[in-house]
C-alpha atoms as a PDB file:
ATOM      1  CA  MET A   1       2.239 -39.556  89.712  1.00  0.00           C
ATOM      2  CA  SER A   2       4.010 -40.959  92.769  1.00  0.00           C
ATOM      3  CA  ALA A   3       7.564 -40.014  93.659  1.00  0.00           C
ATOM      4  CA  PRO A   4      10.359 -42.327  92.436  1.00  0.00           C
ATOM      5  CA  LYS A   5      11.173 -45.066  94.941  1.00  0.00           C
ATOM      6  CA  ASP A   6      14.873 -45.391  94.097  1.00  0.00           C
ATOM      7  CA  LEU A   7      17.489 -44.592  91.461  1.00  0.00           C
ATOM      8  CA  MET A   8      16.306 -47.377  89.186  1.00  0.00           C
ATOM      9  CA  ASP A   9      12.772 -46.000  89.281  1.00  0.00           C
ATOM     10  CA  LEU A  10      14.133 -42.518  88.522  1.00  0.00           C
ATOM     11  CA  ALA A  11      16.038 -43.942  85.540  1.00  0.00           C
ATOM     12  CA  GLN A  12      12.876 -45.566  84.209  1.00  0.00           C
ATOM     13  CA  ARG A  13      10.999 -42.270  84.526  1.00  0.00           C
ATOM     14  CA  PHE A  14      13.788 -40.488  82.662  1.00  0.00           C
ATOM     15  CA  GLU A  15      13.777 -43.076  79.879  1.00  0.00           C
ATOM     16  CA  ALA A  16      10.015 -42.651  79.514  1.00  0.00           C
ATOM     17  CA  ASP A  17      10.618 -38.924  78.952  1.00  0.00           C
ATOM     18  CA  ARG A  18      13.728 -39.286  76.769  1.00  0.00           C
ATOM     19  CA  ARG A  19      11.905 -38.734  73.473  1.00  0.00           C
ATOM     20  CA  HIS A  20      10.359 -35.523  74.789  1.00  0.00           C
ATOM     21  CA  LEU A  21      13.679 -34.328  76.244  1.00  0.00           C
ATOM     22  CA  ARG A  22      15.517 -35.112  73.015  1.00  0.00           C
ATOM     23  CA  SER A  23      12.986 -33.075  71.061  1.00  0.00           C
ATOM     24  CA  VAL A  24      13.403 -30.131  73.450  1.00  0.00           C
ATOM     25  CA  ALA A  25      17.199 -30.307  73.165  1.00  0.00           C
ATOM     26  CA  PHE A  26      17.109 -30.619  69.371  1.00  0.00           C
ATOM     27  CA  HIS A  27      14.872 -27.551  69.020  1.00  0.00           C
ATOM     28  CA  LEU A  28      17.268 -25.621  71.229  1.00  0.00           C
ATOM     29  CA  LEU A  29      20.520 -26.845  69.652  1.00  0.00           C
ATOM     30  CA  GLY A  30      19.672 -27.848  66.075  1.00  0.00           C
ATOM     31  CA  SER A  31      22.021 -30.843  66.151  1.00  0.00           C
ATOM     32  CA  VAL A  32      21.099 -34.442  66.950  1.00  0.00           C
ATOM     33  CA  ALA A  33      24.551 -35.128  68.412  1.00  0.00           C
ATOM     34  CA  ASP A  34      24.469 -32.016  70.610  1.00  0.00           C
ATOM     35  CA  ALA A  35      20.919 -32.818  71.689  1.00  0.00           C
ATOM     36  CA  ASP A  36      21.927 -36.332  72.730  1.00  0.00           C
ATOM     37  CA  ASP A  37      24.876 -34.899  74.694  1.00  0.00           C
ATOM     38  CA  ALA A  38      22.578 -32.470  76.509  1.00  0.00           C
ATOM     39  CA  VAL A  39      20.083 -35.200  77.406  1.00  0.00           C
ATOM     40  CA  GLN A  40      22.809 -37.532  78.638  1.00  0.00           C
ATOM     41  CA  THR A  41      24.363 -34.793  80.777  1.00  0.00           C
ATOM     42  CA  ALA A  42      20.915 -33.962  82.123  1.00  0.00           C
ATOM     43  CA  TRP A  43      20.499 -37.562  83.263  1.00  0.00           C
ATOM     44  CA  LEU A  44      23.911 -37.558  84.970  1.00  0.00           C
ATOM     45  CA  LYS A  45      22.999 -34.422  86.908  1.00  0.00           C
ATOM     46  CA  ALA A  46      19.538 -35.693  87.763  1.00  0.00           C
ATOM     47  CA  SER A  47      20.922 -39.021  89.004  1.00  0.00           C
ATOM     48  CA  ARG A  48      23.462 -37.245  91.242  1.00  0.00           C
ATOM     49  CA  SER A  49      20.932 -34.934  92.869  1.00  0.00           C
ATOM     50  CA  ASP A  50      19.919 -35.391  96.486  1.00  0.00           C
ATOM     51  CA  PHE A  51      17.287 -38.129  96.448  1.00  0.00           C
ATOM     52  CA  ASP A  52      15.336 -36.751  99.404  1.00  0.00           C
ATOM     53  CA  SER A  53      14.724 -33.514  97.506  1.00  0.00           C
ATOM     54  CA  ILE A  54      13.719 -35.435  94.362  1.00  0.00           C
ATOM     55  CA  LYS A  55      10.944 -37.116  96.315  1.00  0.00           C
ATOM     56  CA  ASP A  56       9.391 -33.680  96.910  1.00  0.00           C
ATOM     57  CA  ILE A  57       9.232 -32.767  93.214  1.00  0.00           C
ATOM     58  CA  ALA A  58       5.620 -32.801  92.067  1.00  0.00           C
ATOM     59  CA  ASN A  59       6.412 -33.123  88.362  1.00  0.00           C
ATOM     60  CA  LEU A  60       9.478 -35.067  87.246  1.00  0.00           C
ATOM     61  CA  THR A  61       8.958 -34.420  83.533  1.00  0.00           C
ATOM     62  CA  GLY A  62       9.056 -30.679  84.141  1.00  0.00           C
ATOM     63  CA  TRP A  63      12.167 -31.094  86.282  1.00  0.00           C
ATOM     64  CA  PHE A  64      13.921 -33.215  83.640  1.00  0.00           C
ATOM     65  CA  THR A  65      12.948 -30.649  80.998  1.00  0.00           C
ATOM     66  CA  THR A  66      14.406 -27.788  83.014  1.00  0.00           C
ATOM     67  CA  ILE A  67      17.713 -29.613  83.548  1.00  0.00           C
ATOM     68  CA  THR A  68      17.927 -30.440  79.829  1.00  0.00           C
ATOM     69  CA  ALA A  69      17.160 -26.833  78.891  1.00  0.00           C
ATOM     70  CA  HIS A  70      19.927 -25.651  81.245  1.00  0.00           C
ATOM     71  CA  GLU A  71      22.423 -27.897  79.481  1.00  0.00           C
ATOM     72  CA  ALA A  72      21.291 -26.637  76.086  1.00  0.00           C
ATOM     73  CA  PHE A  73      21.539 -23.031  77.304  1.00  0.00           C
ATOM     74  CA  ASP A  74      25.143 -23.636  78.389  1.00  0.00           C
ATOM     75  CA  GLN A  75      25.966 -25.095  74.970  1.00  0.00           C
ATOM     76  CA  LEU A  76      24.350 -22.158  73.153  1.00  0.00           C
ATOM     77  CA  ARG A  77      26.328 -19.618  75.175  1.00  0.00           C
ATOM     78  CA  ALA A  78      29.544 -21.521  74.526  1.00  0.00           C
ATOM     79  CA  ARG A  79      28.800 -21.401  70.781  1.00  0.00           C
ATOM     80  CA  LYS A  80      28.307 -17.648  70.868  1.00  0.00           C
ATOM     81  CA  ARG A  81      31.675 -17.200  72.571  1.00  0.00           C
ATOM     82  CA  ARG A  82      33.417 -19.099  69.789  1.00  0.00           C
ATOM     83  CA  ALA A  83      34.243 -17.127  66.675  1.00  0.00           C
ATOM     84  CA  GLU A  84      32.525 -18.345  63.490  1.00  0.00           C
ATOM     85  CA  ARG A  85      35.087 -20.165  61.370  1.00  0.00           C
ATOM     86  CA  PRO A  86      34.768 -19.695  57.601  1.00  0.00           C
ATOM     87  CA  LEU A  87      34.728 -22.707  55.310  1.00  0.00           C
ATOM     88  CA  ALA A  88      38.257 -23.960  54.680  1.00  0.00           C
ATOM     89  CA  ASP A  89      37.507 -25.066  51.099  1.00  0.00           C
ATOM     90  CA  PRO A  90      34.588 -26.156  48.863  1.00  0.00           C
ATOM     91  CA  ASP A  91      34.988 -29.761  49.979  1.00  0.00           C
ATOM     92  CA  GLU A  92      34.157 -28.788  53.565  1.00  0.00           C
ATOM     93  CA  LEU A  93      30.700 -27.600  52.526  1.00  0.00           C
ATOM     94  CA  ASP A  94      30.142 -30.906  50.739  1.00  0.00           C
ATOM     95  CA  ARG A  95      31.254 -32.848  53.818  1.00  0.00           C
ATOM     96  CA  LEU A  96      28.944 -30.848  56.097  1.00  0.00           C
ATOM     97  CA  ALA A  97      26.035 -31.239  53.690  1.00  0.00           C
ATOM     98  CA  GLY A  98      26.676 -34.971  53.371  1.00  0.00           C
ATOM     99  CA  THR A  99      26.738 -35.461  57.127  1.00  0.00           C
ATOM    100  CA  ALA A 100      23.492 -33.563  57.536  1.00  0.00           C
ATOM    101  CA  SER A 101      21.748 -35.272  54.634  1.00  0.00           C
ATOM    102  CA  ALA A 102      22.040 -38.912  55.675  1.00  0.00           C
ATOM    103  CA  PRO A 103      20.883 -39.279  59.298  1.00  0.00           C
ATOM    104  CA  ALA A 104      19.459 -42.403  60.835  1.00  0.00           C
ATOM    105  CA  ASP A 105      15.718 -42.828  60.333  1.00  0.00           C
ATOM    106  CA  GLN A 106      14.863 -41.695  63.866  1.00  0.00           C
ATOM    107  CA  ASP A 107      17.094 -38.639  63.541  1.00  0.00           C
ATOM    108  CA  ALA A 108      15.546 -37.795  60.176  1.00  0.00           C
ATOM    109  CA  LEU A 109      12.077 -37.843  61.711  1.00  0.00           C
ATOM    110  CA  LEU A 110      13.253 -35.569  64.510  1.00  0.00           C
ATOM    111  CA  ALA A 111      14.808 -33.089  62.091  1.00  0.00           C
ATOM    112  CA  ASP A 112      11.761 -33.151  59.826  1.00  0.00           C
ATOM    113  CA  SER A 113       9.489 -32.386  62.772  1.00  0.00           C
ATOM    114  CA  VAL A 114      11.310 -29.078  63.272  1.00  0.00           C
ATOM    115  CA  GLY A 115      11.990 -27.923  59.726  1.00  0.00           C
ATOM    116  CA  SER A 116      15.340 -26.789  58.366  1.00  0.00           C
ATOM    117  CA  ALA A 117      14.183 -23.204  57.739  1.00  0.00           C
ATOM    118  CA  LEU A 118      13.071 -22.816  61.351  1.00  0.00           C
ATOM    119  CA  LEU A 119      16.433 -24.136  62.573  1.00  0.00           C
ATOM    120  CA  VAL A 120      18.224 -21.486  60.500  1.00  0.00           C
ATOM    121  CA  VAL A 121      16.184 -18.687  62.066  1.00  0.00           C
ATOM    122  CA  LEU A 122      16.595 -20.125  65.561  1.00  0.00           C
ATOM    123  CA  ASP A 123      20.364 -20.318  65.041  1.00  0.00           C
ATOM    124  CA  ARG A 124      20.447 -16.539  64.517  1.00  0.00           C
ATOM    125  CA  LEU A 125      18.715 -15.732  67.802  1.00  0.00           C
ATOM    126  CA  SER A 126      20.572 -14.975  71.009  1.00  0.00           C
ATOM    127  CA  PRO A 127      20.756 -17.966  73.380  1.00  0.00           C
ATOM    128  CA  ALA A 128      18.238 -16.362  75.752  1.00  0.00           C
ATOM    129  CA  GLN A 129      15.807 -15.549  72.929  1.00  0.00           C
ATOM    130  CA  ARG A 130      16.004 -19.090  71.588  1.00  0.00           C
ATOM    131  CA  ILE A 131      15.396 -20.606  75.012  1.00  0.00           C
ATOM    132  CA  ALA A 132      12.429 -18.340  75.742  1.00  0.00           C
ATOM    133  CA  PHE A 133      10.799 -18.789  72.328  1.00  0.00           C
ATOM    134  CA  VAL A 134      11.256 -22.552  71.985  1.00  0.00           C
ATOM    135  CA  LEU A 135      10.276 -23.466  75.531  1.00  0.00           C
ATOM    136  CA  HIS A 136       7.202 -21.238  75.553  1.00  0.00           C
ATOM    137  CA  ASP A 137       5.904 -21.252  71.972  1.00  0.00           C
ATOM    138  CA  VAL A 138       6.795 -24.822  71.044  1.00  0.00           C
ATOM    139  CA  PHE A 139       6.618 -26.669  74.364  1.00  0.00           C
ATOM    140  CA  ALA A 140       4.196 -24.435  76.309  1.00  0.00           C
ATOM    141  CA  MET A 141       6.499 -23.955  79.288  1.00  0.00           C
ATOM    142  CA  PRO A 142       5.204 -21.102  81.480  1.00  0.00           C
ATOM    143  CA  PHE A 143       7.243 -17.898  81.522  1.00  0.00           C
ATOM    144  CA  GLU A 144       7.598 -18.192  85.303  1.00  0.00           C
ATOM    145  CA  THR A 145       9.656 -21.356  84.851  1.00  0.00           C
ATOM    146  CA  ILE A 146      11.608 -19.937  81.896  1.00  0.00           C
ATOM    147  CA  ALA A 147      12.417 -16.846  83.957  1.00  0.00           C
ATOM    148  CA  GLY A 148      14.027 -18.988  86.646  1.00  0.00           C
ATOM    149  CA  LEU A 149      16.056 -20.862  84.059  1.00  0.00           C
ATOM    150  CA  LEU A 150      17.358 -17.630  82.494  1.00  0.00           C
ATOM    151  CA  ASP A 151      17.711 -15.704  85.764  1.00  0.00           C
ATOM    152  CA  ARG A 152      15.319 -13.070  84.421  1.00  0.00           C
ATOM    153  CA  SER A 153      11.921 -11.812  85.463  1.00  0.00           C
ATOM    154  CA  PRO A 154       8.836 -13.399  83.842  1.00  0.00           C
ATOM    155  CA  ALA A 155       8.214 -10.097  82.035  1.00  0.00           C
ATOM    156  CA  ALA A 156      11.771 -10.120  80.630  1.00  0.00           C
ATOM    157  CA  ALA A 157      11.402 -13.757  79.522  1.00  0.00           C
ATOM    158  CA  LYS A 158       8.137 -12.871  77.787  1.00  0.00           C
ATOM    159  CA  LYS A 159       9.850  -9.965  75.995  1.00  0.00           C
ATOM    160  CA  LEU A 160      12.662 -12.266  74.813  1.00  0.00           C
ATOM    161  CA  ALA A 161      10.133 -14.668  73.295  1.00  0.00           C
ATOM    162  CA  SER A 162       8.291 -11.771  71.647  1.00  0.00           C
ATOM    163  CA  ARG A 163      11.480 -10.456  70.059  1.00  0.00           C
ATOM    164  CA  ALA A 164      12.327 -13.931  68.789  1.00  0.00           C
ATOM    165  CA  ARG A 165       8.833 -14.295  67.364  1.00  0.00           C
ATOM    166  CA  GLY A 166       9.251 -11.019  65.500  1.00  0.00           C
ATOM    167  CA  ARG A 167      12.426 -12.274  63.821  1.00  0.00           C
ATOM    168  CA  LEU A 168      10.759 -15.351  62.383  1.00  0.00           C
ATOM    169  CA  HIS A 169       8.798 -13.505  59.715  1.00  0.00           C
ATOM    170  CA  ALA A 170       9.310 -10.655  57.308  1.00  0.00           C
ATOM    171  CA  ASP A 171       6.764  -7.877  56.845  1.00  0.00           C
ATOM    172  CA  PRO A 172       3.864  -8.893  54.560  1.00  0.00           C
ATOM    173  CA  ALA A 173       4.770  -8.675  50.881  1.00  0.00           C
ATOM    174  CA  ALA A 174       3.396  -5.755  48.903  1.00  0.00           C
ATOM    175  CA  GLU A 175       2.238  -8.249  46.250  1.00  0.00           C
ATOM    176  CA  PRO A 176       1.359 -11.379  48.245  1.00  0.00           C
ATOM    177  CA  ARG A 177       0.039 -13.295  45.233  1.00  0.00           C
ATOM    178  CA  ARG A 178       3.213 -12.755  43.210  1.00  0.00           C
ATOM    179  CA  ALA A 179       5.373 -13.518  46.245  1.00  0.00           C
ATOM    180  CA  GLY A 180       3.430 -16.766  46.704  1.00  0.00           C
ATOM    181  CA  GLN A 181       4.034 -17.728  43.073  1.00  0.00           C
ATOM    182  CA  HIS A 182       7.754 -17.035  43.409  1.00  0.00           C
ATOM    183  CA  LEU A 183       7.903 -19.091  46.579  1.00  0.00           C
ATOM    184  CA  GLN A 184       6.379 -22.069  44.756  1.00  0.00           C
ATOM    185  CA  ILE A 185       8.922 -21.682  41.946  1.00  0.00           C
ATOM    186  CA  VAL A 186      11.846 -21.656  44.374  1.00  0.00           C
ATOM    187  CA  GLU A 187      10.451 -24.685  46.230  1.00  0.00           C
ATOM    188  CA  ALA A 188      10.083 -26.561  42.933  1.00  0.00           C
ATOM    189  CA  PHE A 189      13.640 -25.598  41.953  1.00  0.00           C
ATOM    190  CA  LEU A 190      15.060 -26.906  45.238  1.00  0.00           C
ATOM    191  CA  ALA A 191      13.098 -30.155  44.954  1.00  0.00           C
ATOM    192  CA  ALA A 192      14.269 -30.689  41.372  1.00  0.00           C
ATOM    193  CA  SER A 193      17.870 -29.880  42.371  1.00  0.00           C
ATOM    194  CA  ARG A 194      17.776 -32.485  45.126  1.00  0.00           C
ATOM    195  CA  GLY A 195      16.421 -35.150  42.820  1.00  0.00           C
ATOM    196  CA  GLY A 196      18.392 -34.255  39.691  1.00  0.00           C
ATOM    197  CA  ASP A 197      15.130 -33.748  37.778  1.00  0.00           C
ATOM    198  CA  MET A 198      16.442 -32.290  34.505  1.00  0.00           C
ATOM    199  CA  ALA A 199      13.028 -31.885  32.889  1.00  0.00           C
ATOM    200  CA  THR A 200      11.703 -29.774  35.752  1.00  0.00           C
ATOM    201  CA  LEU A 201      14.916 -27.771  36.016  1.00  0.00           C
ATOM    202  CA  LEU A 202      14.780 -26.883  32.316  1.00  0.00           C
ATOM    203  CA  GLU A 203      11.134 -25.886  32.697  1.00  0.00           C
ATOM    204  CA  LEU A 204      11.915 -23.584  35.638  1.00  0.00           C
ATOM    205  CA  LEU A 205      15.070 -21.969  34.216  1.00  0.00           C
ATOM    206  CA  ALA A 206      14.916 -19.199  31.624  1.00  0.00           C
ATOM    207  CA  PRO A 207      16.909 -20.062  28.465  1.00  0.00           C
ATOM    208  CA  ASP A 208      19.346 -17.219  29.198  1.00  0.00           C
ATOM    209  CA  VAL A 209      19.626 -17.818  32.954  1.00  0.00           C
ATOM    210  CA  VAL A 210      22.866 -16.636  34.584  1.00  0.00           C
ATOM    211  CA  ARG A 211      24.378 -18.359  37.624  1.00  0.00           C
ATOM    212  CA  ARG A 212      27.090 -16.539  39.616  1.00  0.00           C
ATOM    213  CA  VAL A 213      28.943 -18.038  42.567  1.00  0.00           C
ATOM    214  CA  ASP A 214      31.754 -17.107  44.963  1.00  0.00           C
ATOM    215  CA  ALA A 215      34.951 -18.830  43.886  1.00  0.00           C
ATOM    216  CA  ALA A 216      35.486 -20.066  47.463  1.00  0.00           C
ATOM    217  CA  LEU A 217      32.345 -22.232  47.257  1.00  0.00           C
ATOM    218  CA  VAL A 218      33.215 -24.286  44.182  1.00  0.00           C
ATOM    219  CA  PRO A 219      36.114 -26.427  42.936  1.00  0.00           C
ATOM    220  CA  SER A 220      38.619 -24.794  40.595  1.00  0.00           C
ATOM    221  CA  ASP A 221      37.083 -26.439  37.506  1.00  0.00           C
ATOM    222  CA  VAL A 222      33.718 -24.711  38.091  1.00  0.00           C
ATOM    223  CA  PRO A 223      33.396 -21.224  36.533  1.00  0.00           C
ATOM    224  CA  THR A 224      32.170 -18.408  38.763  1.00  0.00           C
ATOM    225  CA  GLU A 225      29.670 -17.445  36.065  1.00  0.00           C
ATOM    226  CA  LEU A 226      27.628 -19.825  33.960  1.00  0.00           C
ATOM    227  CA  ARG A 227      25.004 -19.062  31.306  1.00  0.00           C
ATOM    228  CA  GLY A 228      22.227 -21.055  29.681  1.00  0.00           C
ATOM    229  CA  ALA A 229      19.505 -23.307  31.056  1.00  0.00           C
ATOM    230  CA  GLY A 230      21.131 -26.524  29.895  1.00  0.00           C
ATOM    231  CA  SER A 231      24.494 -25.767  31.498  1.00  0.00           C
ATOM    232  CA  VAL A 232      23.013 -24.519  34.759  1.00  0.00           C
ATOM    233  CA  ALA A 233      20.640 -27.501  35.042  1.00  0.00           C
ATOM    234  CA  GLU A 234      23.444 -29.979  34.407  1.00  0.00           C
ATOM    235  CA  GLU A 235      25.673 -28.304  36.994  1.00  0.00           C
ATOM    236  CA  THR A 236      22.815 -28.264  39.513  1.00  0.00           C
ATOM    237  CA  ARG A 237      22.739 -32.054  39.383  1.00  0.00           C
ATOM    238  CA  ARG A 238      26.419 -32.090  40.351  1.00  0.00           C
ATOM    239  CA  PHE A 239      25.644 -30.249  43.594  1.00  0.00           C
ATOM    240  CA  ALA A 240      22.543 -32.250  44.557  1.00  0.00           C
ATOM    241  CA  LEU A 241      24.113 -33.151  47.912  1.00  0.00           C
ATOM    242  CA  ARG A 242      24.310 -29.492  48.871  1.00  0.00           C
ATOM    243  CA  ALA A 243      20.715 -29.001  47.763  1.00  0.00           C
ATOM    244  CA  ARG A 244      19.626 -31.638  50.270  1.00  0.00           C
ATOM    245  CA  ALA A 245      20.958 -29.357  53.013  1.00  0.00           C
ATOM    246  CA  GLY A 246      19.018 -26.429  51.557  1.00  0.00           C
ATOM    247  CA  ALA A 247      16.002 -24.649  52.975  1.00  0.00           C
ATOM    248  CA  VAL A 248      13.613 -22.314  51.176  1.00  0.00           C
ATOM    249  CA  MET A 249      13.537 -19.014  53.058  1.00  0.00           C
ATOM    250  CA  LEU A 250      12.917 -15.346  52.523  1.00  0.00           C
ATOM    251  CA  ILE A 251      16.241 -13.589  52.011  1.00  0.00           C
ATOM    252  CA  ASP A 252      15.694  -9.888  52.672  1.00  0.00           C
ATOM    253  CA  GLY A 253      12.022 -10.540  51.993  1.00  0.00           C
ATOM    254  CA  VAL A 254      12.534 -12.392  48.679  1.00  0.00           C
ATOM    255  CA  PRO A 255      12.217 -16.188  48.238  1.00  0.00           C
ATOM    256  CA  GLY A 256      15.600 -17.872  48.019  1.00  0.00           C
ATOM    257  CA  ILE A 257      17.526 -20.876  49.294  1.00  0.00           C
ATOM    258  CA  VAL A 258      19.879 -21.161  52.246  1.00  0.00           C
ATOM    259  CA  ILE A 259      22.353 -24.046  52.424  1.00  0.00           C
ATOM    260  CA  ALA A 260      22.351 -24.824  56.123  1.00  0.00           C
ATOM    261  CA  PRO A 261      23.864 -28.115  57.299  1.00  0.00           C
ATOM    262  CA  ARG A 262      22.757 -28.736  60.904  1.00  0.00           C
ATOM    263  CA  GLY A 263      20.772 -25.503  60.889  1.00  0.00           C
ATOM    264  CA  ARG A 264      23.808 -23.230  60.380  1.00  0.00           C
ATOM    265  CA  ALA A 265      23.636 -20.969  57.300  1.00  0.00           C
ATOM    266  CA  ARG A 266      26.738 -21.574  55.159  1.00  0.00           C
ATOM    267  CA  ALA A 267      25.647 -20.225  51.783  1.00  0.00           C
ATOM    268  CA  MET A 268      22.612 -18.615  50.195  1.00  0.00           C
ATOM    269  CA  LEU A 269      21.130 -18.582  46.716  1.00  0.00           C
ATOM    270  CA  GLN A 270      19.406 -15.340  45.779  1.00  0.00           C
ATOM    271  CA  ILE A 271      17.080 -16.157  42.921  1.00  0.00           C
ATOM    272  CA  GLY A 272      15.786 -13.627  40.412  1.00  0.00           C
ATOM    273  CA  ILE A 273      12.459 -14.516  38.784  1.00  0.00           C
ATOM    274  CA  GLY A 274      11.164 -12.683  35.725  1.00  0.00           C
ATOM    275  CA  ALA A 275       7.688 -11.685  34.608  1.00  0.00           C
ATOM    276  CA  ASP A 276       7.496 -15.024  32.783  1.00  0.00           C
ATOM    277  CA  ASN A 277       7.763 -16.853  36.156  1.00  0.00           C
ATOM    278  CA  ARG A 278      11.077 -18.390  35.185  1.00  0.00           C
ATOM    279  CA  ILE A 279      14.394 -18.145  36.980  1.00  0.00           C
ATOM    280  CA  HIS A 280      16.700 -15.628  35.263  1.00  0.00           C
ATOM    281  CA  THR A 281      19.491 -15.198  37.825  1.00  0.00           C
ATOM    282  CA  ILE A 282      20.997 -17.311  40.605  1.00  0.00           C
ATOM    283  CA  ASP A 283      23.565 -15.553  42.800  1.00  0.00           C
ATOM    284  CA  ILE A 284      25.312 -17.843  45.291  1.00  0.00           C
ATOM    285  CA  THR A 285      27.437 -16.511  48.129  1.00  0.00           C
ATOM    286  CA  GLY A 286      29.076 -17.898  51.218  1.00  0.00           C
ATOM    287  CA  ASP A 287      30.582 -14.601  52.329  1.00  0.00           C
ATOM    288  CA  ALA A 288      30.324 -14.443  56.115  1.00  0.00           C
ATOM    289  CA  ASP A 289      29.560 -10.714  56.217  1.00  0.00           C
ATOM    290  CA  ARG A 290      26.798 -10.980  53.628  1.00  0.00           C
ATOM    291  CA  LEU A 291      25.284 -13.960  55.429  1.00  0.00           C
ATOM    292  CA  ARG A 292      25.363 -12.053  58.705  1.00  0.00           C
ATOM    293  CA  ARG A 293      23.729  -8.950  57.202  1.00  0.00           C
ATOM    294  CA  ALA A 294      21.018 -10.849  55.339  1.00  0.00           C
ATOM    295  CA  VAL A 295      17.609 -10.928  56.983  1.00  0.00           C
ATOM    296  CA  LEU A 296      16.529 -14.571  56.865  1.00  0.00           C
ATOM    297  CA  THR A 297      12.898 -15.279  57.734  1.00  0.00           C
ATOM    298  CA  LEU A 298      10.389 -18.085  57.338  1.00  0.00           C
ATOM    299  CA  PRO A 299       8.221 -18.092  54.211  1.00  0.00           C
ATOM    300  CA  ARG A 300       5.269 -19.261  56.287  1.00  0.00           C
ATOM    301  CA  TRP A 301       4.514 -20.182  59.903  1.00  0.00           C
ATOM    302  CA  PRO A 302       5.823 -23.645  60.783  1.00  0.00           C
ATOM    303  CA  SER A 303       3.323 -26.324  61.637  1.00  0.00           C
ATOM    304  CA  GLN A 304       3.138 -27.226  65.329  1.00  0.00           C
ATOM    305  CA  ARG A 305       1.216 -30.459  64.838  1.00  0.00           C
ATOM    306  CA  HIS A 306       4.248 -32.556  65.740  1.00  0.00           C
ATOM    307  CA  HIS A 307       4.617 -30.925  69.138  1.00  0.00           C
ATOM    308  CA  SER A 308       1.068 -30.734  70.443  1.00  0.00           C
ATOM    309  CA  PRO A 309       1.060 -34.299  71.874  1.00  0.00           C
ATOM    310  CA  ILE A 310       4.309 -33.589  73.747  1.00  0.00           C
ATOM    311  CA  GLY A 311       3.770 -30.135  75.141  1.00  0.00           C
ATOM    312  CA  TYR A 312       5.313 -29.053  78.420  1.00  0.00           C
ATOM    313  CA  GLN A 313       4.114 -31.302  81.186  1.00  0.00           C
ATOM    314  CA  GLY A 314       5.226 -28.927  83.903  1.00  0.00           C
ATOM    315  CA  ASP A 315       3.374 -28.256  87.134  1.00  0.00           C
ATOM    316  CA  ARG A 316       2.304 -24.624  87.020  1.00  0.00           C
ATOM    317  CA  THR A 317       1.663 -24.541  90.771  1.00  0.00           C
ATOM    318  CA  ARG A 318       5.101 -25.739  91.728  1.00  0.00           C
ATOM    319  CA  PRO A 319       8.120 -24.803  89.549  1.00  0.00           C
ATOM    320  CA  ALA A 320      10.538 -27.598  88.805  1.00  0.00           C
ATOM    321  CA  ARG A 321      13.638 -27.420  90.978  1.00  0.00           C
ATOM    322  CA  ARG A 322      17.109 -26.965  89.623  1.00  0.00           C
ATOM    323  CA  PRO A 323      19.656 -29.693  90.215  1.00  0.00           C
ATOM    324  CA  ALA A 324      22.799 -28.814  92.111  1.00  0.00           C
ATOM    325  CA  THR A 325      25.390 -28.284  89.391  1.00  0.00           C
ATOM    326  CA  GLY A 326      28.039 -26.328  91.210  1.00  0.00           C
ATOM    327  CA  GLN A 327      28.238 -23.942  88.262  1.00  0.00           C
ATOM    328  CA  HIS A 328      27.782 -20.180  88.516  1.00  0.00           C
ATOM    329  CA  ARG A 329      24.955 -19.032  86.242  1.00  0.00           C
ATOM    330  CA  GLU A 330      25.384 -15.746  84.426  1.00  0.00           C
ATOM    331  CA  ARG A 331      22.616 -13.485  85.589  1.00  0.00           C
ATOM    332  CA  HIS A 332      22.433 -11.430  82.431  1.00  0.00           C
ATOM    333  CA  ALA A 333      23.617 -13.941  79.798  1.00  0.00           C
ATOM    334  CA  ARG A 334      22.448 -12.943  76.367  1.00  0.00           C
END
């Protein structure tokens, strides 16, 4: 493709790539708003770069992608420097879940293309691991380019992606068939909870099911322990909004549900299933220490079908140049 003739031509090229860049930023940041900020900042930096040097860039899409990834990397590092703030009250979880559950149609399609469970796992990676894994495994960016972005060697970038890959999945279950059955039960429970499907909930719950919850997660009129299928099913309908922000995951290797508005784990439901394939216990916690210690992994490998048409359109023979940002890059940022 020919070099851009002027700033207007550059803007048109950027707009043609905006959907791709937004997808890259969303995978890296897990938030539509943050992704849009990163893409907009990327355009501002691209438009202010020396135009003579832009004319020499063989692949503008790769260059735009690298700038966008830099902005996302800066945001991720800033997040890590900020201390995690616990939920102020039960209403805050409802507000977060409500915000995450009603996006615009285009935003919903973008979020669905990634998968809420994958966003939860990505959120628990270091910024460098997330950059290396997403750009290489999802968007096929070569490690040579990723290495330049992270100020690492290609071998180090490859190792970061490998470590991230290893954190996506738990070790194979000792009883894969039973684990698969339990996963289906948990998925059906989450679906019924989202839709308020009483008949399905009563079918899935054991008659003597026990639900326990941290007091900090529920209003004062909700007991911390509840017994009986009818009571638990009825209460589940009350918290359908939270269920819409839920993702089925393996919690310490066992199928459960993580409530994760915008990809950030805020609470988890550890679900005990009996020999009768019914749910006998539901333990819900939002304790920050327990969430941090829990090993959260994907129940199955996420589909990549949404990303194959996009790919990374970089030029492997000529790495995309960095824009002049005036910012000092941390050589060993983690």
